[in-house]
Amino acid sequence: MGAADPASDGAVTSGNEPGTGGDDGRSGGRPPTDGPEAGGTVPQPKKQRSFWKELPILIGIALVLALLIKTFLVQAFSIPSDSMQNTLQQGDRVLVDKLTPWFGSEPERGEVVVFNDPANWLAGEPTPDPNALQTFLSWIGLMPSAEEKDLIKRAVGVGGDTIECKGTGPLKVNGKALNEPYVYPGNTPCSQDDQGGQFKVKVPKGFIWVMGDHRQNSRDSRYNQADVNRGMVPVDKVVGRAIVIAWPLNRWSTLPVPDTFDQDLSTRSAALTGAPQGLALAGAVPLVLWRRRRIEAATTR
């Protein structure tokens, strides 16, 4: 009889056989416990999911991110009128910062802000009828919603400010005149009409006073003083600050606060303006009385 083949009857081969990993000190003489030699199954690599199966997941993630960005970070708005020329042109798309208001930030003087219609300012304006694509784009924040009644103007005054204009200007904030290079060429800072062009108002806390840069073509705070807010815009109606013109590309630019608002326009500084004159008067009164007494004393002698 021939000798049995050790590889076919399951017997462990001798550790002295070459390639068995026996007693040569390299593997401790242990038999293989996995792999094809031990009769195990070779693990199969996972089959990669096809692109078309992953596409709906990717689209879903993108939509969720777009909605989060629209709700908390940035939203695109379209400029529907000429009231902010030449800073903004009709058809421009602006990106509005919606994040900072979540942290309690309020509009500041000079900022271009988007706000919800505070007291039916847009009464009589036609409501757009968007198609399906426009509705979808507005839903994810790439276009404004047709249902939203939003306006865009420049915040000129904040709570506590006194805003006034006489004649054709200049516009004054707390007694300080504004140099306004952003006003539409050919326009005057104020209009000489009796429907709101001439005014002096004090802005309550929690409100702002807004005006369009195209002063003679803007139905802003001046012309809505008969409403419930006396033309003011409640701060909680402000959607956010317009920070950049994003479209068309040839008009891409940021929307910084103009230099004219760098001066100290606070109500405190306005009060201090009269302080030197008041102090001088207060100091002069005792001096006049003292001199008068000396003169009277000299005459009685």
Protein backbone atom coordinates (compact mmCIF):
# COMPACT_ATOMS: atom_id res chain seq x y z
CA MET A 1 0.00 0.00 0.00
CA GLY A 2 1.21 3.49 -0.72
CA ALA A 3 1.53 6.03 2.09
CA ALA A 4 -1.43 8.34 2.65
CA ASP A 5 -1.09 11.93 1.52
CA PRO A 6 -0.99 14.01 4.77
CA ALA A 7 -2.57 17.03 3.07
CA SER A 8 -5.71 15.09 2.15
CA ASP A 9 -6.49 13.33 5.41
CA GLY A 10 -6.39 16.36 7.66
CA ALA A 11 -3.19 15.36 9.46
CA VAL A 12 -0.90 18.15 10.57
CA THR A 13 2.28 18.09 8.60
CA SER A 14 5.59 17.78 10.36
CA GLY A 15 7.14 20.87 11.73
CA ASN A 16 10.34 19.90 9.94
CA GLU A 17 8.75 20.16 6.54
CA PRO A 18 9.71 23.36 4.72
CA GLY A 19 7.00 26.03 4.58
CA THR A 20 4.87 24.49 7.36
CA GLY A 21 5.75 27.01 10.01
CA GLY A 22 6.59 24.22 12.44
CA ASP A 23 9.39 24.04 15.00
CA ASP A 24 11.69 26.49 13.27
CA GLY A 25 10.75 29.10 15.90
CA ARG A 26 9.04 31.49 13.51
CA SER A 27 5.39 30.62 14.17
CA GLY A 28 5.45 28.63 17.35
CA GLY A 29 4.45 25.45 15.58
CA ARG A 30 0.73 26.36 15.57
CA PRO A 31 -1.48 25.23 12.69
CA PRO A 32 -3.18 27.92 10.59
CA THR A 33 -6.60 28.79 12.01
CA ASP A 34 -7.99 30.83 9.17
CA GLY A 35 -7.58 31.43 5.49
CA PRO A 36 -7.99 28.90 2.70
CA GLU A 37 -5.50 26.49 4.30
CA ALA A 38 -7.83 26.02 7.30
CA GLY A 39 -10.92 25.65 5.20
CA GLY A 40 -12.15 29.20 6.07
CA THR A 41 -14.10 31.50 3.76
CA VAL A 42 -12.26 34.33 2.04
CA PRO A 43 -14.04 37.68 2.95
CA GLN A 44 -15.59 39.28 -0.08
CA PRO A 45 -15.07 43.07 -0.58
CA LYS A 46 -18.23 45.18 -0.10
CA LYS A 47 -19.94 46.03 -3.32
CA GLN A 48 -19.86 49.79 -3.87
CA ARG A 49 -23.28 51.42 -4.12
CA SER A 50 -23.98 52.83 -7.53
CA PHE A 51 -23.91 56.58 -8.11
CA TRP A 52 -27.60 56.66 -9.05
CA LYS A 53 -28.56 55.08 -5.74
CA GLU A 54 -26.47 57.60 -3.80
CA LEU A 55 -27.73 60.60 -5.78
CA PRO A 56 -31.07 60.97 -3.89
CA ILE A 57 -29.17 60.91 -0.57
CA LEU A 58 -26.76 63.59 -1.77
CA ILE A 59 -29.64 65.75 -3.00
CA GLY A 60 -31.43 65.33 0.34
CA ILE A 61 -28.33 66.40 2.28
CA ALA A 62 -27.84 69.40 -0.01
CA LEU A 63 -31.46 70.49 0.50
CA VAL A 64 -31.21 70.20 4.28
CA LEU A 65 -28.01 72.25 4.25
CA ALA A 66 -29.61 74.85 1.98
CA LEU A 67 -32.60 75.17 4.30
CA LEU A 68 -30.36 75.52 7.35
CA ILE A 69 -28.28 78.19 5.60
CA LYS A 70 -31.44 80.04 4.52
CA THR A 71 -32.93 79.91 8.01
CA PHE A 72 -29.89 80.75 10.11
CA LEU A 73 -27.06 82.12 7.97
CA VAL A 74 -27.60 83.80 4.58
CA GLN A 75 -30.55 84.31 2.25
CA ALA A 76 -30.69 85.73 -1.26
CA PHE A 77 -33.09 88.55 -2.11
CA SER A 78 -33.97 90.18 -5.42
CA ILE A 79 -34.21 93.97 -5.76
CA PRO A 80 -37.68 94.74 -7.19
CA SER A 81 -37.55 98.54 -7.56
CA ASP A 82 -35.32 101.58 -8.10
CA SER A 83 -35.67 102.98 -4.57
CA MET A 84 -32.04 102.13 -3.65
CA GLN A 85 -30.33 103.39 -6.82
CA ASN A 86 -27.49 103.73 -7.48
CA THR A 87 -26.35 101.55 -4.61
CA LEU A 88 -28.64 98.78 -5.84
CA GLN A 89 -30.19 98.34 -9.25
CA GLN A 90 -33.47 96.67 -10.08
CA GLY A 91 -32.79 92.96 -10.65
CA ASP A 92 -29.72 92.77 -8.42
CA ARG A 93 -29.45 89.77 -6.10
CA VAL A 94 -28.14 90.54 -2.62
CA LEU A 95 -27.07 88.18 0.14
CA VAL A 96 -28.48 89.02 3.55
CA ASP A 97 -26.77 88.12 6.81
CA LYS A 98 -29.37 86.44 9.03
CA LEU A 99 -26.91 85.05 11.59
CA THR A 100 -25.97 88.09 13.67
CA PRO A 101 -29.60 88.97 14.60
CA TRP A 102 -29.83 85.55 16.26
CA PHE A 103 -27.15 86.74 18.71
CA GLY A 104 -29.02 89.92 19.60
CA SER A 105 -27.33 92.23 17.09
CA GLU A 106 -29.54 95.14 16.02
CA PRO A 107 -29.33 97.29 12.87
CA GLU A 108 -26.86 100.17 12.96
CA ARG A 109 -26.90 103.52 11.20
CA GLY A 110 -25.83 103.30 7.57
CA GLU A 111 -26.55 99.61 7.05
CA VAL A 112 -28.66 98.44 4.11
CA VAL A 113 -31.31 96.22 5.69
CA VAL A 114 -34.08 93.90 4.50
CA PHE A 115 -37.24 93.93 6.61
CA ASN A 116 -40.76 92.53 6.53
CA ASP A 117 -43.47 95.01 5.60
CA PRO A 118 -44.06 96.67 8.99
CA ALA A 119 -47.49 98.23 8.44
CA ASN A 120 -48.83 97.45 4.97
CA TRP A 121 -46.38 99.70 3.12
CA LEU A 122 -46.77 97.51 0.04
CA ALA A 123 -50.54 97.86 -0.18
CA GLY A 124 -51.62 97.87 -3.81
CA GLU A 125 -48.37 96.37 -5.08
CA PRO A 126 -48.91 93.42 -7.46
CA THR A 127 -48.13 89.98 -6.02
CA PRO A 128 -45.83 87.93 -8.29
CA ASP A 129 -47.04 84.56 -9.58
CA PRO A 130 -43.94 82.32 -9.52
CA ASN A 131 -43.55 79.18 -11.60
CA ALA A 132 -42.57 75.80 -10.13
CA LEU A 133 -38.83 76.42 -10.47
CA GLN A 134 -39.05 79.83 -8.79
CA THR A 135 -41.12 78.33 -5.98
CA PHE A 136 -38.50 75.63 -5.43
CA LEU A 137 -35.63 78.12 -5.49
CA SER A 138 -37.40 80.35 -2.99
CA TRP A 139 -38.02 77.33 -0.75
CA ILE A 140 -34.29 76.62 -0.49
CA GLY A 141 -33.40 80.29 -0.17
CA LEU A 142 -31.98 81.09 -3.60
CA MET A 143 -34.91 83.39 -4.39
CA PRO A 144 -37.27 85.38 -2.18
CA SER A 145 -40.68 83.88 -1.52
CA ALA A 146 -43.62 85.40 -3.35
CA GLU A 147 -45.61 85.28 -0.09
CA GLU A 148 -43.02 87.33 1.79
CA LYS A 149 -43.58 91.08 1.73
CA ASP A 150 -40.06 92.41 2.15
CA LEU A 151 -38.46 95.81 1.56
CA ILE A 152 -34.88 97.00 1.43
CA LYS A 153 -33.74 100.45 2.61
CA ARG A 154 -30.87 102.14 4.43
CA ALA A 155 -31.14 102.47 8.21
CA VAL A 156 -30.54 106.16 8.97
CA GLY A 157 -31.61 106.37 12.59
CA VAL A 158 -31.79 103.94 15.51
CA GLY A 159 -33.58 104.02 18.84
CA GLY A 160 -33.09 107.33 20.66
CA ASP A 161 -32.01 109.31 17.57
CA THR A 162 -33.61 112.53 16.39
CA ILE A 163 -33.79 112.68 12.59
CA GLU A 164 -34.66 115.89 10.79
CA CYS A 165 -34.59 117.51 7.40
CA LYS A 166 -35.41 121.06 6.34
CA GLY A 167 -35.56 122.38 2.82
CA THR A 168 -33.49 120.17 0.55
CA GLY A 169 -31.12 119.12 3.31
CA PRO A 170 -28.73 118.10 4.59
CA LEU A 171 -30.24 115.24 6.56
CA LYS A 172 -29.33 115.53 10.24
CA VAL A 173 -28.97 112.87 12.92
CA ASN A 174 -28.92 114.25 16.47
CA GLY A 175 -28.02 117.65 15.07
CA LYS A 176 -25.09 116.34 12.99
CA ALA A 177 -25.30 116.83 9.21
CA LEU A 178 -24.67 113.79 7.02
CA ASN A 179 -22.56 113.93 3.88
CA GLU A 180 -24.35 111.39 1.70
CA PRO A 181 -22.44 110.50 -1.48
CA TYR A 182 -24.63 107.40 -1.93
CA VAL A 183 -27.74 109.52 -2.67
CA TYR A 184 -28.88 109.11 -6.28
CA PRO A 185 -27.20 111.68 -8.57
CA GLY A 186 -29.44 114.69 -9.10
CA ASN A 187 -31.47 114.00 -5.95
CA THR A 188 -31.37 116.18 -2.85
CA PRO A 189 -31.15 114.57 0.63
CA CYS A 190 -34.68 115.83 1.36
CA SER A 191 -37.73 116.74 -0.68
CA GLN A 192 -39.54 120.04 -0.32
CA ASP A 193 -43.02 118.58 -0.17
CA ASP A 194 -45.64 118.49 2.55
CA GLN A 195 -46.21 114.72 2.41
CA GLY A 196 -43.16 113.71 4.41
CA GLY A 197 -40.25 115.49 2.75
CA GLN A 198 -39.89 117.88 5.70
CA PHE A 199 -39.77 116.22 9.10
CA LYS A 200 -38.28 116.02 12.56
CA VAL A 201 -38.85 112.75 14.41
CA LYS A 202 -37.48 110.96 17.43
CA VAL A 203 -36.96 107.23 16.96
CA PRO A 204 -38.27 105.12 19.87
CA LYS A 205 -36.21 102.30 21.35
CA GLY A 206 -36.68 99.07 19.43
CA PHE A 207 -37.28 100.86 16.10
CA ILE A 208 -35.26 102.21 13.17
CA TRP A 209 -35.87 105.00 10.64
CA VAL A 210 -35.18 103.96 7.04
CA MET A 211 -34.74 105.86 3.78
CA GLY A 212 -34.01 104.86 0.20
CA ASP A 213 -30.86 106.15 -1.53
CA HIS A 214 -33.02 107.28 -4.45
CA ARG A 215 -34.61 109.94 -2.25
CA GLN A 216 -37.12 111.25 -4.76
CA ASN A 217 -38.27 107.73 -5.69
CA SER A 218 -38.62 105.90 -2.38
CA ARG A 219 -41.72 105.30 -0.28
CA ASP A 220 -39.84 104.95 2.99
CA SER A 221 -40.28 106.05 6.61
CA ARG A 222 -40.91 109.64 5.53
CA TYR A 223 -44.09 108.78 3.64
CA ASN A 224 -45.52 106.27 6.11
CA GLN A 225 -45.70 108.46 9.21
CA ALA A 226 -49.46 108.02 9.34
CA ASP A 227 -49.19 104.28 10.06
CA VAL A 228 -49.35 102.62 13.46
CA ASN A 229 -45.56 102.88 13.90
CA ARG A 230 -45.36 106.50 12.67
CA GLY A 231 -43.11 105.40 9.82
CA MET A 232 -40.67 103.52 12.04
CA VAL A 233 -39.66 99.90 11.43
CA PRO A 234 -39.71 97.58 14.46
CA VAL A 235 -36.34 95.91 14.97
CA ASP A 236 -38.03 92.50 15.19
CA LYS A 237 -39.24 92.99 11.59
CA VAL A 238 -35.66 93.23 10.29
CA VAL A 239 -34.61 90.07 8.43
CA GLY A 240 -30.95 91.02 8.30
CA ARG A 241 -28.29 93.22 6.78
CA ALA A 242 -27.51 93.08 3.05
CA ILE A 243 -23.78 92.40 2.89
CA VAL A 244 -22.96 91.76 -0.76
CA ILE A 245 -24.33 92.11 -4.29
CA ALA A 246 -23.97 88.55 -5.59
CA TRP A 247 -25.61 88.83 -9.01
CA PRO A 248 -25.07 89.81 -11.77
CA LEU A 249 -21.39 88.96 -11.55
CA ASN A 250 -20.26 92.20 -13.17
CA ARG A 251 -21.84 94.08 -10.25
CA TRP A 252 -20.40 91.91 -7.48
CA SER A 253 -19.43 94.13 -4.54
CA THR A 254 -19.78 94.42 -0.79
CA LEU A 255 -22.18 96.85 0.91
CA PRO A 256 -20.16 98.57 3.66
CA VAL A 257 -21.40 101.28 5.99
CA PRO A 258 -20.54 104.69 4.42
CA ASP A 259 -17.85 106.82 6.07
CA THR A 260 -20.33 109.56 6.96
CA PHE A 261 -21.60 107.32 9.76
CA ASP A 262 -18.13 107.05 11.30
CA GLN A 263 -18.61 110.35 13.10
CA ASP A 264 -20.02 110.33 16.63
CA LEU A 265 -23.77 110.58 16.08
CA SER A 266 -24.85 109.45 19.51
CA THR A 267 -27.38 111.44 21.52
CA ARG A 268 -24.76 111.81 24.27
CA SER A 269 -22.38 113.64 21.94
CA ALA A 270 -25.22 115.94 20.87
CA ALA A 271 -25.86 116.81 24.50
CA LEU A 272 -22.18 117.46 25.10
CA THR A 273 -22.05 119.87 22.16
CA GLY A 274 -23.86 122.49 24.28
CA ALA A 275 -21.86 121.69 27.41
CA PRO A 276 -18.92 124.10 26.82
CA GLN A 277 -21.30 127.02 26.30
CA GLY A 278 -23.25 126.04 29.40
CA LEU A 279 -20.10 125.74 31.48
CA ALA A 280 -18.83 129.07 30.22
CA LEU A 281 -22.13 130.74 31.16
CA ALA A 282 -22.13 129.11 34.58
CA GLY A 283 -18.59 130.29 35.20
CA ALA A 284 -19.29 133.83 33.99
CA VAL A 285 -22.25 134.47 36.32
CA PRO A 286 -20.24 134.48 39.59
CA LEU A 287 -17.56 136.64 37.97
CA VAL A 288 -20.14 139.23 36.87
CA LEU A 289 -21.74 139.29 40.34
CA TRP A 290 -18.36 139.66 42.03
CA ARG A 291 -17.39 142.57 39.76
CA ARG A 292 -20.77 144.24 40.29
CA ARG A 293 -20.36 144.08 44.06
CA ARG A 294 -16.93 145.65 43.84
CA ILE A 295 -18.28 148.48 41.73
CA GLU A 296 -21.16 149.07 44.20
CA ALA A 297 -18.76 149.00 47.14
CA ALA A 298 -16.48 151.53 45.45
CA THR A 299 -19.40 153.92 44.76
CA THR A 300 -20.64 153.88 48.34
CA ARG A 301 -17.31 155.06 49.61
